[in-house]
Amino acid sequence: TDSLRYWSETFGVDGFRFDLASVHARPDGGPF
């Protein structure tokens, strides 16, 4: 979140495409 906010606020980036985003919904490697 710090990284995303930095690129958004410092550089004015308009959005992000998250590679293999399902990993972010699987804490500890568990179910989605």
PDB file of all heavy atoms in Angstrom:
ATOM      1  N   THR A   1       0.823  -1.213   0.000  1.00  0.00           N
ATOM      2  CA  THR A   1       0.000   0.000   0.000  1.00  0.00           C
ATOM      3  C   THR A   1       0.857   1.264   0.000  1.00  0.00           C
ATOM      4  O   THR A   1       0.511   2.249  -0.654  1.00  0.00           O
ATOM      5  CB  THR A   1      -0.963   0.012   1.193  1.00  0.00           C
ATOM      6  OG1 THR A   1      -0.234  -0.198   2.411  1.00  0.00           O
ATOM      7  CG2 THR A   1      -2.009  -1.089   1.054  1.00  0.00           C
ATOM      8  N   ASP A   2       1.978   1.243   0.712  1.00  0.00           N
ATOM      9  CA  ASP A   2       2.881   2.401   0.686  1.00  0.00           C
ATOM     10  C   ASP A   2       3.432   2.621  -0.719  1.00  0.00           C
ATOM     11  O   ASP A   2       3.547   3.754  -1.190  1.00  0.00           O
ATOM     12  CB  ASP A   2       4.045   2.201   1.663  1.00  0.00           C
ATOM     13  CG  ASP A   2       3.639   2.376   3.122  1.00  0.00           C
ATOM     14  OD1 ASP A   2       2.501   2.814   3.375  1.00  0.00           O
ATOM     15  OD2 ASP A   2       4.471   2.074   3.998  1.00  0.00           O
ATOM     16  N   SER A   3       3.797   1.538  -1.385  1.00  0.00           N
ATOM     17  CA  SER A   3       4.328   1.630  -2.738  1.00  0.00           C
ATOM     18  C   SER A   3       3.278   2.187  -3.697  1.00  0.00           C
ATOM     19  O   SER A   3       3.549   3.117  -4.468  1.00  0.00           O
ATOM     20  CB  SER A   3       4.787   0.251  -3.214  1.00  0.00           C
ATOM     21  OG  SER A   3       5.060   0.247  -4.596  1.00  0.00           O
ATOM     22  N   LEU A   4       2.086   1.637  -3.668  1.00  0.00           N
ATOM     23  CA  LEU A   4       1.015   2.105  -4.556  1.00  0.00           C
ATOM     24  C   LEU A   4       0.709   3.579  -4.312  1.00  0.00           C
ATOM     25  O   LEU A   4       0.511   4.354  -5.257  1.00  0.00           O
ATOM     26  CB  LEU A   4      -0.245   1.268  -4.331  1.00  0.00           C
ATOM     27  CG  LEU A   4      -0.176  -0.196  -4.747  1.00  0.00           C
ATOM     28  CD1 LEU A   4      -1.391  -0.946  -4.219  1.00  0.00           C
ATOM     29  CD2 LEU A   4      -0.079  -0.334  -6.262  1.00  0.00           C
ATOM     30  N   ARG A   5       0.687   3.968  -3.051  1.00  0.00           N
ATOM     31  CA  ARG A   5       0.378   5.364  -2.719  1.00  0.00           C
ATOM     32  C   ARG A   5       1.500   6.290  -3.195  1.00  0.00           C
ATOM     33  O   ARG A   5       1.244   7.404  -3.664  1.00  0.00           O
ATOM     34  CB  ARG A   5       0.167   5.499  -1.209  1.00  0.00           C
ATOM     35  CG  ARG A   5      -0.616   6.749  -0.802  1.00  0.00           C
ATOM     36  CD  ARG A   5      -0.824   6.798   0.703  1.00  0.00           C
ATOM     37  NE  ARG A   5      -1.480   5.597   1.189  1.00  0.00           N
ATOM     38  CZ  ARG A   5      -0.892   4.644   1.899  1.00  0.00           C
ATOM     39  NH1 ARG A   5       0.390   4.749   2.210  1.00  0.00           N
ATOM     40  NH2 ARG A   5      -1.563   3.590   2.305  1.00  0.00           N
ATOM     41  N   TYR A   6       2.736   5.832  -3.092  1.00  0.00           N
ATOM     42  CA  TYR A   6       3.871   6.637  -3.549  1.00  0.00           C
ATOM     43  C   TYR A   6       3.774   6.915  -5.048  1.00  0.00           C
ATOM     44  O   TYR A   6       3.904   8.059  -5.487  1.00  0.00           O
ATOM     45  CB  TYR A   6       5.177   5.909  -3.224  1.00  0.00           C
ATOM     46  CG  TYR A   6       6.411   6.547  -3.821  1.00  0.00           C
ATOM     47  CD1 TYR A   6       6.904   7.745  -3.326  1.00  0.00           C
ATOM     48  CD2 TYR A   6       7.069   5.952  -4.894  1.00  0.00           C
ATOM     49  CE1 TYR A   6       8.048   8.335  -3.875  1.00  0.00           C
ATOM     50  CE2 TYR A   6       8.210   6.528  -5.452  1.00  0.00           C
ATOM     51  CZ  TYR A   6       8.687   7.722  -4.936  1.00  0.00           C
ATOM     52  OH  TYR A   6       9.805   8.301  -5.491  1.00  0.00           O
ATOM     53  N   TRP A   7       3.541   5.885  -5.845  1.00  0.00           N
ATOM     54  CA  TRP A   7       3.448   6.077  -7.290  1.00  0.00           C
ATOM     55  C   TRP A   7       2.220   6.912  -7.648  1.00  0.00           C
ATOM     56  O   TRP A   7       2.257   7.685  -8.616  1.00  0.00           O
ATOM     57  CB  TRP A   7       3.406   4.726  -7.998  1.00  0.00           C
ATOM     58  CG  TRP A   7       4.710   3.985  -7.923  1.00  0.00           C
ATOM     59  CD1 TRP A   7       5.091   3.083  -6.967  1.00  0.00           C
ATOM     60  CD2 TRP A   7       5.826   4.097  -8.820  1.00  0.00           C
ATOM     61  NE1 TRP A   7       6.357   2.619  -7.215  1.00  0.00           N
ATOM     62  CE2 TRP A   7       6.831   3.214  -8.347  1.00  0.00           C
ATOM     63  CE3 TRP A   7       6.061   4.834  -9.971  1.00  0.00           C
ATOM     64  CZ2 TRP A   7       8.062   3.075  -8.993  1.00  0.00           C
ATOM     65  CZ3 TRP A   7       7.280   4.696 -10.619  1.00  0.00           C
ATOM     66  CH2 TRP A   7       8.274   3.822 -10.134  1.00  0.00           C
ATOM     67  N   SER A   8       1.162   6.775  -6.879  1.00  0.00           N
ATOM     68  CA  SER A   8      -0.060   7.538  -7.148  1.00  0.00           C
ATOM     69  C   SER A   8       0.113   9.012  -6.822  1.00  0.00           C
ATOM     70  O   SER A   8      -0.244   9.885  -7.627  1.00  0.00           O
ATOM     71  CB  SER A   8      -1.226   6.974  -6.329  1.00  0.00           C
ATOM     72  OG  SER A   8      -1.515   5.641  -6.684  1.00  0.00           O
ATOM     73  N   GLU A   9       0.667   9.287  -5.649  1.00  0.00           N
ATOM     74  CA  GLU A   9       0.745  10.670  -5.190  1.00  0.00           C
ATOM     75  C   GLU A   9       1.966  11.408  -5.733  1.00  0.00           C
ATOM     76  O   GLU A   9       1.874  12.578  -6.105  1.00  0.00           O
ATOM     77  CB  GLU A   9       0.761  10.699  -3.657  1.00  0.00           C
ATOM     78  CG  GLU A   9      -0.545  10.223  -3.040  1.00  0.00           C
ATOM     79  CD  GLU A   9      -0.566  10.390  -1.537  1.00  0.00           C
ATOM     80  OE1 GLU A   9       0.423   9.991  -0.884  1.00  0.00           O
ATOM     81  OE2 GLU A   9      -1.566  10.912  -1.009  1.00  0.00           O
ATOM     82  N   THR A  10       3.100  10.743  -5.796  1.00  0.00           N
ATOM     83  CA  THR A  10       4.316  11.416  -6.253  1.00  0.00           C
ATOM     84  C   THR A  10       4.341  11.570  -7.768  1.00  0.00           C
ATOM     85  O   THR A  10       4.681  12.633  -8.293  1.00  0.00           O
ATOM     86  CB  THR A  10       5.563  10.650  -5.780  1.00  0.00           C
ATOM     87  OG1 THR A  10       5.549  10.562  -4.353  1.00  0.00           O
ATOM     88  CG2 THR A  10       6.834  11.357  -6.233  1.00  0.00           C
ATOM     89  N   PHE A  11       3.963  10.508  -8.477  1.00  0.00           N
ATOM     90  CA  PHE A  11       4.059  10.525  -9.939  1.00  0.00           C
ATOM     91  C   PHE A  11       2.712  10.699 -10.635  1.00  0.00           C
ATOM     92  O   PHE A  11       2.673  10.774 -11.866  1.00  0.00           O
ATOM     93  CB  PHE A  11       4.734   9.243 -10.435  1.00  0.00           C
ATOM     94  CG  PHE A  11       6.168   9.105 -10.007  1.00  0.00           C
ATOM     95  CD1 PHE A  11       6.556   8.088  -9.163  1.00  0.00           C
ATOM     96  CD2 PHE A  11       7.132   9.996 -10.444  1.00  0.00           C
ATOM     97  CE1 PHE A  11       7.878   7.944  -8.765  1.00  0.00           C
ATOM     98  CE2 PHE A  11       8.452   9.871 -10.061  1.00  0.00           C
ATOM     99  CZ  PHE A  11       8.836   8.849  -9.213  1.00  0.00           C
ATOM    100  N   GLY A  12       1.624  10.734  -9.884  1.00  0.00           N
ATOM    101  CA  GLY A  12       0.321  10.926 -10.501  1.00  0.00           C
ATOM    102  C   GLY A  12      -0.162   9.744 -11.316  1.00  0.00           C
ATOM    103  O   GLY A  12      -0.999   9.903 -12.219  1.00  0.00           O
ATOM    104  N   VAL A  13       0.330   8.538 -11.026  1.00  0.00           N
ATOM    105  CA  VAL A  13      -0.080   7.346 -11.766  1.00  0.00           C
ATOM    106  C   VAL A  13      -1.584   7.130 -11.582  1.00  0.00           C
ATOM    107  O   VAL A  13      -2.126   7.275 -10.486  1.00  0.00           O
ATOM    108  CB  VAL A  13       0.732   6.125 -11.302  1.00  0.00           C
ATOM    109  CG1 VAL A  13       0.130   4.837 -11.808  1.00  0.00           C
ATOM    110  CG2 VAL A  13       2.178   6.264 -11.769  1.00  0.00           C
ATOM    111  N   ASP A  14      -2.253   6.738 -12.674  1.00  0.00           N
ATOM    112  CA  ASP A  14      -3.712   6.674 -12.696  1.00  0.00           C
ATOM    113  C   ASP A  14      -4.283   5.314 -12.321  1.00  0.00           C
ATOM    114  O   ASP A  14      -5.501   5.204 -12.101  1.00  0.00           O
ATOM    115  CB  ASP A  14      -4.216   7.049 -14.091  1.00  0.00           C
ATOM    116  CG  ASP A  14      -3.750   8.436 -14.502  1.00  0.00           C
ATOM    117  OD1 ASP A  14      -4.377   9.413 -14.082  1.00  0.00           O
ATOM    118  OD2 ASP A  14      -2.744   8.533 -15.236  1.00  0.00           O
ATOM    119  N   GLY A  15      -3.463   4.298 -12.270  1.00  0.00           N
ATOM    120  CA  GLY A  15      -3.991   2.987 -11.922  1.00  0.00           C
ATOM    121  C   GLY A  15      -2.918   1.919 -11.987  1.00  0.00           C
ATOM    122  O   GLY A  15      -1.761   2.171 -12.358  1.00  0.00           O
ATOM    123  N   PHE A  16      -3.338   0.695 -11.651  1.00  0.00           N
ATOM    124  CA  PHE A  16      -2.393  -0.414 -11.549  1.00  0.00           C
ATOM    125  C   PHE A  16      -3.048  -1.699 -12.023  1.00  0.00           C
ATOM    126  O   PHE A  16      -4.216  -1.963 -11.732  1.00  0.00           O
ATOM    127  CB  PHE A  16      -1.924  -0.594 -10.097  1.00  0.00           C
ATOM    128  CG  PHE A  16      -1.324   0.645  -9.501  1.00  0.00           C
ATOM    129  CD1 PHE A  16      -2.121   1.577  -8.849  1.00  0.00           C
ATOM    130  CD2 PHE A  16       0.028   0.905  -9.623  1.00  0.00           C
ATOM    131  CE1 PHE A  16      -1.578   2.736  -8.307  1.00  0.00           C
ATOM    132  CE2 PHE A  16       0.583   2.064  -9.095  1.00  0.00           C
ATOM    133  CZ  PHE A  16      -0.225   2.980  -8.436  1.00  0.00           C
ATOM    134  N   ARG A  17      -2.284  -2.484 -12.745  1.00  0.00           N
ATOM    135  CA  ARG A  17      -2.707  -3.831 -13.127  1.00  0.00           C
ATOM    136  C   ARG A  17      -1.866  -4.806 -12.309  1.00  0.00           C
ATOM    137  O   ARG A  17      -0.633  -4.803 -12.385  1.00  0.00           O
ATOM    138  CB  ARG A  17      -2.517  -4.043 -14.625  1.00  0.00           C
ATOM    139  CG  ARG A  17      -2.901  -5.460 -15.116  1.00  0.00           C
ATOM    140  CD  ARG A  17      -1.688  -6.363 -15.170  1.00  0.00           C
ATOM    141  NE  ARG A  17      -1.967  -7.663 -15.727  1.00  0.00           N
ATOM    142  CZ  ARG A  17      -1.116  -8.674 -15.741  1.00  0.00           C
ATOM    143  NH1 ARG A  17       0.106  -8.552 -15.222  1.00  0.00           N
ATOM    144  NH2 ARG A  17      -1.430  -9.836 -16.254  1.00  0.00           N
ATOM    145  N   PHE A  18      -2.505  -5.643 -11.503  1.00  0.00           N
ATOM    146  CA  PHE A  18      -1.815  -6.496 -10.533  1.00  0.00           C
ATOM    147  C   PHE A  18      -1.557  -7.878 -11.131  1.00  0.00           C
ATOM    148  O   PHE A  18      -2.487  -8.647 -11.371  1.00  0.00           O
ATOM    149  CB  PHE A  18      -2.641  -6.611  -9.251  1.00  0.00           C
ATOM    150  CG  PHE A  18      -2.753  -5.327  -8.483  1.00  0.00           C
ATOM    151  CD1 PHE A  18      -3.613  -4.314  -8.902  1.00  0.00           C
ATOM    152  CD2 PHE A  18      -1.991  -5.115  -7.339  1.00  0.00           C
ATOM    153  CE1 PHE A  18      -3.720  -3.126  -8.197  1.00  0.00           C
ATOM    154  CE2 PHE A  18      -2.088  -3.922  -6.629  1.00  0.00           C
ATOM    155  CZ  PHE A  18      -2.951  -2.926  -7.071  1.00  0.00           C
ATOM    156  N   ASP A  19      -0.297  -8.170 -11.342  1.00  0.00           N
ATOM    157  CA  ASP A  19       0.111  -9.464 -11.857  1.00  0.00           C
ATOM    158  C   ASP A  19      -0.213 -10.556 -10.838  1.00  0.00           C
ATOM    159  O   ASP A  19       0.050 -10.404  -9.631  1.00  0.00           O
ATOM    160  CB  ASP A  19       1.621  -9.434 -12.142  1.00  0.00           C
ATOM    161  CG  ASP A  19       2.136 -10.737 -12.694  1.00  0.00           C
ATOM    162  OD1 ASP A  19       1.749 -11.095 -13.809  1.00  0.00           O
ATOM    163  OD2 ASP A  19       2.938 -11.398 -11.995  1.00  0.00           O
ATOM    164  N   LEU A  20      -0.808 -11.664 -11.327  1.00  0.00           N
ATOM    165  CA  LEU A  20      -1.175 -12.793 -10.454  1.00  0.00           C
ATOM    166  C   LEU A  20      -1.850 -12.288  -9.180  1.00  0.00           C
ATOM    167  O   LEU A  20      -1.470 -12.639  -8.053  1.00  0.00           O
ATOM    168  CB  LEU A  20       0.054 -13.634 -10.109  1.00  0.00           C
ATOM    169  CG  LEU A  20       0.797 -14.264 -11.289  1.00  0.00           C
ATOM    170  CD1 LEU A  20       1.915 -15.165 -10.781  1.00  0.00           C
ATOM    171  CD2 LEU A  20      -0.128 -15.047 -12.199  1.00  0.00           C
ATOM    172  N   ALA A  21      -2.898 -11.501  -9.362  1.00  0.00           N
ATOM    173  CA  ALA A  21      -3.536 -10.819  -8.229  1.00  0.00           C
ATOM    174  C   ALA A  21      -4.177 -11.767  -7.230  1.00  0.00           C
ATOM    175  O   ALA A  21      -4.396 -11.395  -6.079  1.00  0.00           O
ATOM    176  CB  ALA A  21      -4.586  -9.832  -8.747  1.00  0.00           C
ATOM    177  N   SER A  22      -4.478 -12.991  -7.630  1.00  0.00           N
ATOM    178  CA  SER A  22      -5.087 -13.930  -6.689  1.00  0.00           C
ATOM    179  C   SER A  22      -4.184 -14.218  -5.493  1.00  0.00           C
ATOM    180  O   SER A  22      -4.663 -14.568  -4.407  1.00  0.00           O
ATOM    181  CB  SER A  22      -5.442 -15.243  -7.401  1.00  0.00           C
ATOM    182  OG  SER A  22      -6.521 -15.053  -8.287  1.00  0.00           O
ATOM    183  N   VAL A  23      -2.880 -14.061  -5.688  1.00  0.00           N
ATOM    184  CA  VAL A  23      -1.942 -14.265  -4.570  1.00  0.00           C
ATOM    185  C   VAL A  23      -2.281 -13.320  -3.422  1.00  0.00           C
ATOM    186  O   VAL A  23      -2.161 -13.686  -2.241  1.00  0.00           O
ATOM    187  CB  VAL A  23      -0.489 -14.043  -5.047  1.00  0.00           C
ATOM    188  CG1 VAL A  23       0.475 -13.991  -3.860  1.00  0.00           C
ATOM    189  CG2 VAL A  23      -0.078 -15.137  -6.019  1.00  0.00           C
ATOM    190  N   HIS A  24      -2.728 -12.108  -3.737  1.00  0.00           N
ATOM    191  CA  HIS A  24      -3.039 -11.122  -2.710  1.00  0.00           C
ATOM    192  C   HIS A  24      -4.314 -11.457  -1.946  1.00  0.00           C
ATOM    193  O   HIS A  24      -4.590 -10.860  -0.898  1.00  0.00           O
ATOM    194  CB  HIS A  24      -3.172  -9.736  -3.329  1.00  0.00           C
ATOM    195  CG  HIS A  24      -2.013  -9.362  -4.195  1.00  0.00           C
ATOM    196  ND1 HIS A  24      -0.717  -9.688  -3.878  1.00  0.00           N
ATOM    197  CD2 HIS A  24      -1.941  -8.711  -5.391  1.00  0.00           C
ATOM    198  CE1 HIS A  24       0.097  -9.248  -4.825  1.00  0.00           C
ATOM    199  NE2 HIS A  24      -0.616  -8.663  -5.747  1.00  0.00           N
ATOM    200  N   ALA A  25      -5.077 -12.389  -2.465  1.00  0.00           N
ATOM    201  CA  ALA A  25      -6.306 -12.819  -1.805  1.00  0.00           C
ATOM    202  C   ALA A  25      -6.145 -14.189  -1.154  1.00  0.00           C
ATOM    203  O   ALA A  25      -7.138 -14.807  -0.761  1.00  0.00           O
ATOM    204  CB  ALA A  25      -7.449 -12.866  -2.821  1.00  0.00           C
ATOM    205  N   ARG A  26      -4.892 -14.644  -1.007  1.00  0.00           N
ATOM    206  CA  ARG A  26      -4.646 -15.966  -0.431  1.00  0.00           C
ATOM    207  C   ARG A  26      -3.602 -15.862   0.684  1.00  0.00           C
ATOM    208  O   ARG A  26      -2.463 -16.340   0.549  1.00  0.00           O
ATOM    209  CB  ARG A  26      -4.190 -16.940  -1.516  1.00  0.00           C
ATOM    210  CG  ARG A  26      -5.198 -17.094  -2.652  1.00  0.00           C
ATOM    211  CD  ARG A  26      -4.761 -18.133  -3.664  1.00  0.00           C
ATOM    212  NE  ARG A  26      -4.686 -19.460  -3.057  1.00  0.00           N
ATOM    213  CZ  ARG A  26      -4.238 -20.540  -3.684  1.00  0.00           C
ATOM    214  NH1 ARG A  26      -3.796 -20.438  -4.926  1.00  0.00           N
ATOM    215  NH2 ARG A  26      -4.200 -21.701  -3.067  1.00  0.00           N
ATOM    216  N   PRO A  27      -3.948 -15.215   1.795  1.00  0.00           N
ATOM    217  CA  PRO A  27      -3.003 -15.098   2.913  1.00  0.00           C
ATOM    218  C   PRO A  27      -2.556 -16.463   3.405  1.00  0.00           C
ATOM    219  O   PRO A  27      -3.365 -17.399   3.496  1.00  0.00           O
ATOM    220  CB  PRO A  27      -3.819 -14.346   3.979  1.00  0.00           C
ATOM    221  CG  PRO A  27      -5.247 -14.500   3.581  1.00  0.00           C
ATOM    222  CD  PRO A  27      -5.264 -14.621   2.098  1.00  0.00           C
ATOM    223  N   ASP A  28      -1.259 -16.554   3.678  1.00  0.00           N
ATOM    224  CA  ASP A  28      -0.634 -17.812   4.103  1.00  0.00           C
ATOM    225  C   ASP A  28      -0.774 -18.906   3.056  1.00  0.00           C
ATOM    226  O   ASP A  28      -0.588 -20.087   3.359  1.00  0.00           O
ATOM    227  CB  ASP A  28      -1.205 -18.297   5.442  1.00  0.00           C
ATOM    228  CG  ASP A  28      -0.820 -17.397   6.598  1.00  0.00           C
ATOM    229  OD1 ASP A  28       0.290 -16.835   6.564  1.00  0.00           O
ATOM    230  OD2 ASP A  28      -1.636 -17.228   7.521  1.00  0.00           O
ATOM    231  N   GLY A  29      -1.118 -18.539   1.815  1.00  0.00           N
ATOM    232  CA  GLY A  29      -1.262 -19.526   0.752  1.00  0.00           C
ATOM    233  C   GLY A  29      -2.555 -20.296   0.823  1.00  0.00           C
ATOM    234  O   GLY A  29      -2.700 -21.321   0.158  1.00  0.00           O
ATOM    235  N   GLY A  30      -3.522 -19.802   1.589  1.00  0.00           N
ATOM    236  CA  GLY A  30      -4.790 -20.494   1.772  1.00  0.00           C
ATOM    237  C   GLY A  30      -5.765 -20.275   0.636  1.00  0.00           C
ATOM    238  O   GLY A  30      -5.391 -19.847  -0.453  1.00  0.00           O
ATOM    239  N   PRO A  31      -7.050 -20.547   0.877  1.00  0.00           N
ATOM    240  CA  PRO A  31      -8.058 -20.398  -0.173  1.00  0.00           C
ATOM    241  C   PRO A  31      -8.280 -18.937  -0.551  1.00  0.00           C
ATOM    242  O   PRO A  31      -7.980 -18.027   0.223  1.00  0.00           O
ATOM    243  CB  PRO A  31      -9.318 -21.010   0.459  1.00  0.00           C
ATOM    244  CG  PRO A  31      -9.098 -20.903   1.930  1.00  0.00           C
ATOM    245  CD  PRO A  31      -7.622 -21.067   2.134  1.00  0.00           C
ATOM    246  N   PHE A  32      -8.834 -18.717  -1.735  1.00  0.00           N
ATOM    247  CA  PHE A  32      -9.089 -17.369  -2.230  1.00  0.00           C
ATOM    248  C   PHE A  32     -10.122 -16.671  -1.362  1.00  0.00           C
ATOM    249  O   PHE A  32     -11.159 -17.231  -1.021  1.00  0.00           O
ATOM    250  CB  PHE A  32      -9.589 -17.429  -3.678  1.00  0.00           C
ATOM    251  CG  PHE A  32      -9.876 -16.081  -4.271  1.00  0.00           C
ATOM    252  CD1 PHE A  32      -8.878 -15.364  -4.906  1.00  0.00           C
ATOM    253  CD2 PHE A  32     -11.148 -15.519  -4.187  1.00  0.00           C
ATOM    254  CE1 PHE A  32      -9.138 -14.110  -5.451  1.00  0.00           C
ATOM    255  CE2 PHE A  32     -11.421 -14.281  -4.726  1.00  0.00           C
ATOM    256  CZ  PHE A  32     -10.408 -13.571  -5.358  1.00  0.00           C
TER     257      PHE A  32
END
